[in-house]
Amino acid sequence: MSENQDFITCCPACHTSFRVTQELMEIASGAVRCGACLRVFQAIDQVVEEREDAEAGGAPPEPLDTNEIQSCYWLHWELYVDEVFSQIHVDQGTAHVEQVQTSDPGADAIDQGEADPDDSYRVPEASADLDEEHDELKTLVSQLDLQDDPESLVAGHVPPSAHPAWYAAVLVLVVSGFLQFAWFNLDIYSQRVEYRSWYHSACNLFGCELAEYANADELTTSNLIVRSHPDASGALIVDAIVRNSASYRQRFPFLQLQFRDIENQPVAQRRFAPKNYLAGELRGMRFIPGETEVRFSLEIADPGKKALGYTLEVIQNIP
C-alpha cells in the first residue's frame, strides 16, 4: 500500500465500508468513527484486502455489494436513534469522519475526487440529518410547560369532599337530626336524670314545658310503726316516713298498708292517697322535693287478732 494510496476499511460492528485517505489517517493516529453506528476503531486494522487478481493484471476488483452496505446501515439505524442522546458527547481526543471534514476541508472520509462514478457505491451520510433532528427534539422539549410538578398538582388539589363547606353541611345535618330525635323522644329521655338537665335548659330557652318527673323506684317508705290508739278502742295509729331519693321533685305517692296472718296470707289492706296521710302544714302539698323525706301519721281501724304482720308500700299514682 503506497503512502498516498486510499484504501477501504470496514466497521467491525456494522460491517459498513468506508474509503479512507492517508491524510485522514494521520490526523487521529488512524482512529476513525463509523458514520452508521458511531463505532470508533483503527482503520488500518480493518482494511478490506484487494483481490489477488488485481496484481496479476486481471479484471478490475468487483464492486462493493451496495445492498449489503445499505442493509447493514439500516440495521443499525434504530439503534442509533435510541442512543443518539447518550452518544452525542464523546471523547474529544478521537477523530471521526465528520470531524476531519470540519478541521480540514481538503480531507474526506470518502474522496469525492476519486470516488467511483456510480453513486450507488457511496454510503448514505446521515450524521448531519440526525444532528438536525436532535436539535429539533431539544427545541420541542424546551418548549414543553414543565413548571408544575404532577405530584405537587395532585397534592394541591382539594377534592370536593374535603372542602370546609362540606364539613359545615355535614355538621348541620348531624345537629338537626339529633335535635329532631331529642324532640320526638322528649317524654322518654326527659325522665332520665342524665338528660333531664339538658332538656330543662332547652325548654327554658325555647319556651317548652317538661313533663313531671316520675320514678316510683326512687320513692320509698321506712320506719313503719303500728300501735294501738291510746284514746279509741278498736283503732290503730300508723307512723312512717316517705322518702324521695331522686334529684328532682315528684308527686307524693299513693301508699298501700297490708296486714298478714301467721301463714303470711293477706288479712286486710288499705290504700291511702296523699290527702289521707298528709296533715298540718303538709296538707294540700302535691310534690315532695328531691332528696327529701316526710314523716306522717294516720289512724286506721284494727284488723283483728289474726293480723300479726304488716307492710307499707309505694304504689303507682292512681289518677
Foldseek 3Di string as FASTA:
>chain_A
DDQFDWFWFADPPLRAIWIFGNVNCVPQVQWAADQQQRDIDRRVVGTDDFDPVVVVVDDHGDADDLVSNVVSRVVCNVVCVVCVVVPPDDDPSGYYQVNVCVVDVCGGRHHPVPDDPDCSSDHDRCPVVVVVVVVVVVVVVVPDPPPDDPVVVVVPDDDPCRDVVNVVVVVVVVVVVVVVVCVVCQQPVCLDPVCVVVVVVVCVVVVDDHDAHDDQVQKWKDPWDWAADPPDPQKIKIKIKIWGAAQAKDFDFKKKKFFAFPVRHTQDMDIDDPCQWDDDPRHPDTIDGHGDMDITMHMDGHSDDRGDDMDMGTDGHDD
